[in-house]
C-alpha atoms as a PDB file:
ATOM      1  CA  MET A   1     183.268 -83.935 182.384  1.00  0.00           C
ATOM      2  CA  SER A   2     186.381 -84.448 180.376  1.00  0.00           C
ATOM      3  CA  ALA A   3     186.543 -87.165 177.775  1.00  0.00           C
ATOM      4  CA  HIS A   4     190.119 -87.914 178.858  1.00  0.00           C
ATOM      5  CA  LYS A   5     189.287 -88.892 182.450  1.00  0.00           C
ATOM      6  CA  GLU A   6     187.841 -92.173 183.537  1.00  0.00           C
ATOM      7  CA  TRP A   7     184.605 -91.703 185.493  1.00  0.00           C
ATOM      8  CA  HIS A   8     182.940 -94.336 187.622  1.00  0.00           C
ATOM      9  CA  PRO A   9     179.313 -94.058 188.833  1.00  0.00           C
ATOM     10  CA  GLU A  10     180.269 -94.703 192.467  1.00  0.00           C
ATOM     11  CA  LYS A  11     182.793 -91.854 192.432  1.00  0.00           C
ATOM     12  CA  VAL A  12     180.343 -89.434 190.784  1.00  0.00           C
ATOM     13  CA  ARG A  13     177.581 -90.324 193.301  1.00  0.00           C
ATOM     14  CA  SER A  14     179.930 -89.864 196.251  1.00  0.00           C
ATOM     15  CA  GLN A  15     180.676 -86.284 195.133  1.00  0.00           C
ATOM     16  CA  LEU A  16     177.014 -85.252 194.753  1.00  0.00           C
ATOM     17  CA  THR A  17     175.292 -83.327 197.534  1.00  0.00           C
ATOM     18  CA  HIS A  18     171.784 -83.909 196.162  1.00  0.00           C
ATOM     19  CA  PRO A  19     169.756 -86.943 195.076  1.00  0.00           C
ATOM     20  CA  VAL A  20     169.446 -87.867 191.386  1.00  0.00           C
ATOM     21  CA  ILE A  21     165.964 -89.104 190.589  1.00  0.00           C
ATOM     22  CA  ASP A  22     166.044 -89.601 186.819  1.00  0.00           C
ATOM     23  CA  GLY A  23     168.911 -88.484 184.646  1.00  0.00           C
ATOM     24  CA  ASP A  24     167.296 -89.089 181.234  1.00  0.00           C
ATOM     25  CA  GLY A  25     164.286 -86.821 181.573  1.00  0.00           C
ATOM     26  CA  HIS A  26     161.527 -89.445 181.806  1.00  0.00           C
ATOM     27  CA  TRP A  27     158.920 -89.007 184.489  1.00  0.00           C
ATOM     28  CA  ILE A  28     156.475 -91.766 183.523  1.00  0.00           C
ATOM     29  CA  GLU A  29     158.098 -94.180 185.998  1.00  0.00           C
ATOM     30  CA  TYR A  30     156.937 -91.917 188.828  1.00  0.00           C
ATOM     31  CA  GLY A  31     153.294 -91.791 187.775  1.00  0.00           C
ATOM     32  CA  PRO A  32     151.975 -93.662 190.841  1.00  0.00           C
ATOM     33  CA  VAL A  33     153.938 -91.350 193.163  1.00  0.00           C
ATOM     34  CA  PHE A  34     152.654 -88.300 191.279  1.00  0.00           C
ATOM     35  CA  VAL A  35     149.042 -89.563 191.429  1.00  0.00           C
ATOM     36  CA  GLU A  36     149.293 -89.998 195.202  1.00  0.00           C
ATOM     37  CA  GLN A  37     150.627 -86.459 195.552  1.00  0.00           C
ATOM     38  CA  VAL A  38     147.699 -85.183 193.450  1.00  0.00           C
ATOM     39  CA  ARG A  39     145.341 -87.243 195.659  1.00  0.00           C
ATOM     40  CA  LYS A  40     146.760 -85.543 198.777  1.00  0.00           C
ATOM     41  CA  ALA A  41     146.708 -82.061 197.242  1.00  0.00           C
ATOM     42  CA  ALA A  42     143.480 -82.100 195.182  1.00  0.00           C
ATOM     43  CA  GLY A  43     141.456 -85.116 196.330  1.00  0.00           C
ATOM     44  CA  ASP A  44     140.259 -88.465 195.017  1.00  0.00           C
ATOM     45  CA  LYS A  45     138.319 -87.081 192.065  1.00  0.00           C
ATOM     46  CA  ALA A  46     141.368 -85.276 190.645  1.00  0.00           C
ATOM     47  CA  ALA A  47     143.639 -88.294 191.194  1.00  0.00           C
ATOM     48  CA  ASP A  48     141.136 -90.677 189.571  1.00  0.00           C
ATOM     49  CA  GLY A  49     140.820 -88.319 186.586  1.00  0.00           C
ATOM     50  CA  LEU A  50     144.597 -88.221 186.234  1.00  0.00           C
ATOM     51  CA  LEU A  51     144.749 -92.036 186.330  1.00  0.00           C
ATOM     52  CA  ARG A  52     142.094 -92.261 183.579  1.00  0.00           C
ATOM     53  CA  HIS A  53     144.060 -89.759 181.511  1.00  0.00           C
ATOM     54  CA  MET A  54     147.315 -91.676 182.011  1.00  0.00           C
ATOM     55  CA  ARG A  55     145.650 -94.962 180.920  1.00  0.00           C
ATOM     56  CA  ARG A  56     144.159 -93.473 177.749  1.00  0.00           C
ATOM     57  CA  ILE A  57     147.037 -94.167 175.353  1.00  0.00           C
ATOM     58  CA  PRO A  58     148.132 -97.574 176.743  1.00  0.00           C
ATOM     59  CA  ASP A  59     144.489 -98.723 176.667  1.00  0.00           C
ATOM     60  CA  ALA A  60     144.011 -97.522 173.089  1.00  0.00           C
ATOM     61  CA  LEU A  61     147.235 -99.160 171.914  1.00  0.00           C
ATOM     62  CA  SER A  62     146.277-102.474 173.484  1.00  0.00           C
ATOM     63  CA  LEU A  63     142.982-102.729 171.550  1.00  0.00           C
ATOM     64  CA  SER A  64     142.745-105.268 168.757  1.00  0.00           C
ATOM     65  CA  ILE A  65     141.449-104.245 165.316  1.00  0.00           C
ATOM     66  CA  ALA A  66     138.255-106.204 166.027  1.00  0.00           C
ATOM     67  CA  ALA A  67     137.733-104.345 169.330  1.00  0.00           C
ATOM     68  CA  VAL A  68     138.210-100.986 167.627  1.00  0.00           C
ATOM     69  CA  ALA A  69     135.742-101.960 164.877  1.00  0.00           C
ATOM     70  CA  ARG A  70     133.161-103.035 167.490  1.00  0.00           C
ATOM     71  CA  SER A  71     133.558 -99.716 169.293  1.00  0.00           C
ATOM     72  CA  ARG A  72     132.431 -97.860 166.143  1.00  0.00           C
ATOM     73  CA  ARG A  73     135.394 -95.489 166.511  1.00  0.00           C
ATOM     74  CA  LEU A  74     137.154 -96.550 163.324  1.00  0.00           C
ATOM     75  CA  GLN A  75     135.761 -97.155 159.843  1.00  0.00           C
ATOM     76  CA  GLY A  76     137.376 -98.077 156.576  1.00  0.00           C
ATOM     77  CA  SER A  77     136.345 -98.906 153.057  1.00  0.00           C
ATOM     78  CA  LEU A  78     137.753 -99.999 149.733  1.00  0.00           C
ATOM     79  CA  GLY A  79     135.956 -99.278 146.507  1.00  0.00           C
ATOM     80  CA  VAL A  80     135.943 -97.845 143.036  1.00  0.00           C
ATOM     81  CA  THR A  81     135.150 -94.223 142.316  1.00  0.00           C
ATOM     82  CA  GLY A  82     134.348 -92.504 139.087  1.00  0.00           C
ATOM     83  CA  GLY A  83     133.328 -89.137 137.831  1.00  0.00           C
ATOM     84  CA  LEU A  84     134.180 -86.260 135.526  1.00  0.00           C
ATOM     85  CA  LEU A  85     137.174 -83.936 135.488  1.00  0.00           C
ATOM     86  CA  LEU A  86     137.190 -80.438 134.043  1.00  0.00           C
ATOM     87  CA  PHE A  87     140.518 -79.196 132.721  1.00  0.00           C
ATOM     88  CA  SER A  88     140.432 -75.437 132.157  1.00  0.00           C
ATOM     89  CA  ARG A  89     143.103 -73.831 129.999  1.00  0.00           C
ATOM     90  CA  SER A  90     144.011 -70.334 128.954  1.00  0.00           C
ATOM     91  CA  THR A  91     147.220 -69.205 127.285  1.00  0.00           C
ATOM     92  CA  THR A  92     149.324 -66.111 126.894  1.00  0.00           C
ATOM     93  CA  ALA A  93     151.700 -65.408 124.036  1.00  0.00           C
ATOM     94  CA  LEU A  94     155.237 -65.404 125.434  1.00  0.00           C
ATOM     95  CA  SER A  95     156.893 -64.369 122.191  1.00  0.00           C
ATOM     96  CA  THR A  96     155.746 -62.822 118.919  1.00  0.00           C
ATOM     97  CA  ASP A  97     155.936 -66.083 116.959  1.00  0.00           C
ATOM     98  CA  VAL A  98     153.811 -68.036 119.473  1.00  0.00           C
ATOM     99  CA  LEU A  99     150.082 -67.445 119.132  1.00  0.00           C
ATOM    100  CA  PRO A 100     147.763 -67.494 122.142  1.00  0.00           C
ATOM    101  CA  THR A 101     144.871 -69.907 121.946  1.00  0.00           C
ATOM    102  CA  PRO A 102     141.380 -69.170 123.121  1.00  0.00           C
ATOM    103  CA  PRO A 103     140.431 -70.441 126.592  1.00  0.00           C
ATOM    104  CA  GLU A 104     139.153 -73.998 126.515  1.00  0.00           C
ATOM    105  CA  THR A 105     137.610 -76.443 128.966  1.00  0.00           C
ATOM    106  CA  THR A 106     138.132 -80.157 128.401  1.00  0.00           C
ATOM    107  CA  LEU A 107     135.851 -82.716 129.994  1.00  0.00           C
ATOM    108  CA  ALA A 108     137.328 -86.132 130.817  1.00  0.00           C
ATOM    109  CA  ALA A 109     135.967 -89.127 132.682  1.00  0.00           C
ATOM    110  CA  PHE A 110     137.931 -90.850 135.439  1.00  0.00           C
ATOM    111  CA  VAL A 111     137.684 -94.124 137.313  1.00  0.00           C
ATOM    112  CA  GLY A 112     139.934 -95.788 139.874  1.00  0.00           C
ATOM    113  CA  PRO A 113     140.365 -97.565 143.190  1.00  0.00           C
ATOM    114  CA  GLU A 114     139.873 -95.643 146.425  1.00  0.00           C
ATOM    115  CA  ALA A 115     140.560 -96.466 150.080  1.00  0.00           C
ATOM    116  CA  THR A 116     139.214 -94.495 153.029  1.00  0.00           C
ATOM    117  CA  ALA A 117     139.790 -94.627 156.753  1.00  0.00           C
ATOM    118  CA  SER A 118     137.999 -92.474 159.290  1.00  0.00           C
ATOM    119  CA  VAL A 119     137.965 -92.138 163.051  1.00  0.00           C
ATOM    120  CA  ARG A 120     135.148 -90.900 165.263  1.00  0.00           C
ATOM    121  CA  LEU A 121     136.099 -87.808 167.243  1.00  0.00           C
ATOM    122  CA  GLY A 122     135.216 -88.562 170.863  1.00  0.00           C
ATOM    123  CA  GLY A 123     131.570 -89.408 171.412  1.00  0.00           C
ATOM    124  CA  ALA A 124     130.339 -86.824 168.914  1.00  0.00           C
ATOM    125  CA  PRO A 125     128.754 -87.838 165.592  1.00  0.00           C
ATOM    126  CA  ILE A 126     131.745 -86.319 163.763  1.00  0.00           C
ATOM    127  CA  TRP A 127     134.246 -88.371 161.779  1.00  0.00           C
ATOM    128  CA  LEU A 128     137.660 -87.289 160.498  1.00  0.00           C
ATOM    129  CA  GLY A 129     138.897 -89.273 157.529  1.00  0.00           C
ATOM    130  CA  LEU A 130     141.575 -89.772 154.938  1.00  0.00           C
ATOM    131  CA  SER A 131     140.881 -90.851 151.375  1.00  0.00           C
ATOM    132  CA  VAL A 132     143.522 -92.021 148.900  1.00  0.00           C
ATOM    133  CA  ALA A 133     142.932 -93.021 145.293  1.00  0.00           C
ATOM    134  CA  ALA A 134     144.631 -93.617 141.967  1.00  0.00           C
ATOM    135  CA  ASP A 135     142.378 -92.074 139.347  1.00  0.00           C
ATOM    136  CA  ILE A 136     142.701 -93.136 135.724  1.00  0.00           C
ATOM    137  CA  ALA A 137     141.739 -90.317 133.329  1.00  0.00           C
ATOM    138  CA  PRO A 138     142.272 -91.450 129.731  1.00  0.00           C
ATOM    139  CA  GLY A 139     140.903 -88.177 128.309  1.00  0.00           C
ATOM    140  CA  ALA A 140     143.473 -85.893 129.958  1.00  0.00           C
ATOM    141  CA  PRO A 141     144.540 -83.093 127.582  1.00  0.00           C
ATOM    142  CA  VAL A 142     147.968 -82.583 126.036  1.00  0.00           C
ATOM    143  CA  LEU A 143     149.662 -79.303 126.892  1.00  0.00           C
ATOM    144  CA  GLY A 144     151.605 -77.511 124.140  1.00  0.00           C
ATOM    145  CA  TYR A 145     151.987 -74.379 122.093  1.00  0.00           C
ATOM    146  CA  ARG A 146     151.056 -73.316 118.575  1.00  0.00           C
ATOM    147  CA  ARG A 147     153.443 -71.668 116.121  1.00  0.00           C
ATOM    148  CA  ASP A 148     151.788 -70.630 112.931  1.00  0.00           C
ATOM    149  CA  ALA A 149     149.516 -73.554 112.078  1.00  0.00           C
ATOM    150  CA  MET A 150     151.519 -76.232 113.903  1.00  0.00           C
ATOM    151  CA  VAL A 151     150.881 -77.385 117.501  1.00  0.00           C
ATOM    152  CA  THR A 152     153.935 -78.638 119.397  1.00  0.00           C
ATOM    153  CA  PRO A 153     153.150 -80.813 122.431  1.00  0.00           C
ATOM    154  CA  LEU A 154     155.109 -79.854 125.546  1.00  0.00           C
ATOM    155  CA  HIS A 155     153.673 -82.082 128.188  1.00  0.00           C
ATOM    156  CA  GLU A 156     151.104 -84.816 128.171  1.00  0.00           C
ATOM    157  CA  LEU A 157     149.248 -85.170 131.451  1.00  0.00           C
ATOM    158  CA  SER A 158     149.543 -88.673 132.870  1.00  0.00           C
ATOM    159  CA  ILE A 159     146.413 -90.768 132.721  1.00  0.00           C
ATOM    160  CA  PHE A 160     147.242 -91.845 136.306  1.00  0.00           C
ATOM    161  CA  GLN A 161     146.380 -89.096 138.749  1.00  0.00           C
ATOM    162  CA  PRO A 162     147.035 -89.810 142.439  1.00  0.00           C
ATOM    163  CA  ARG A 163     144.553 -88.241 144.824  1.00  0.00           C
ATOM    164  CA  ALA A 164     144.534 -87.854 148.613  1.00  0.00           C
ATOM    165  CA  GLY A 165     142.366 -85.769 150.849  1.00  0.00           C
ATOM    166  CA  LEU A 166     141.124 -85.245 154.369  1.00  0.00           C
ATOM    167  CA  PHE A 167     137.419 -85.066 155.023  1.00  0.00           C
ATOM    168  CA  VAL A 168     134.984 -84.471 157.855  1.00  0.00           C
ATOM    169  CA  SER A 169     131.642 -86.230 157.887  1.00  0.00           C
ATOM    170  CA  PHE A 170     128.669 -85.963 160.221  1.00  0.00           C
ATOM    171  CA  GLU A 171     126.232 -88.627 161.342  1.00  0.00           C
ATOM    172  CA  PRO A 172     122.606 -87.600 161.627  1.00  0.00           C
END
């Protein structure tokens, strides 16, 4: 259709030789019609299964947080974590005036807030979760290089270390 012509819906419809059901690609509006066609073609059991499948997302979205918590499908927690970090370092001399240093492992403690959220996968005792935290590691090493007897710091690792991870847990 040209952008220079003026088109009116009545005129366009009068020139069509076929029906237009849905011009924007959605088919959800015709779910009840589709279910009845499945009922005729495959029987009540197939149609009822399709209806349950079609209700899955609207039903889940209509649940309150309290209802989800009662269903034991969603868990969350807030807390404080702590532990030890191992920083392992080895160097290579990049020029003749820079001396390599022997490999070294630095141990540093960390502590920080952590939040987790997990969802039960179906009816199985398997949970998929996400954990996010902001670890504070005051003993993080300083990165640098040594020329002769002098060490020049290049980069100091931040004491704040963000952490995020996915996990799977199993219920006995």
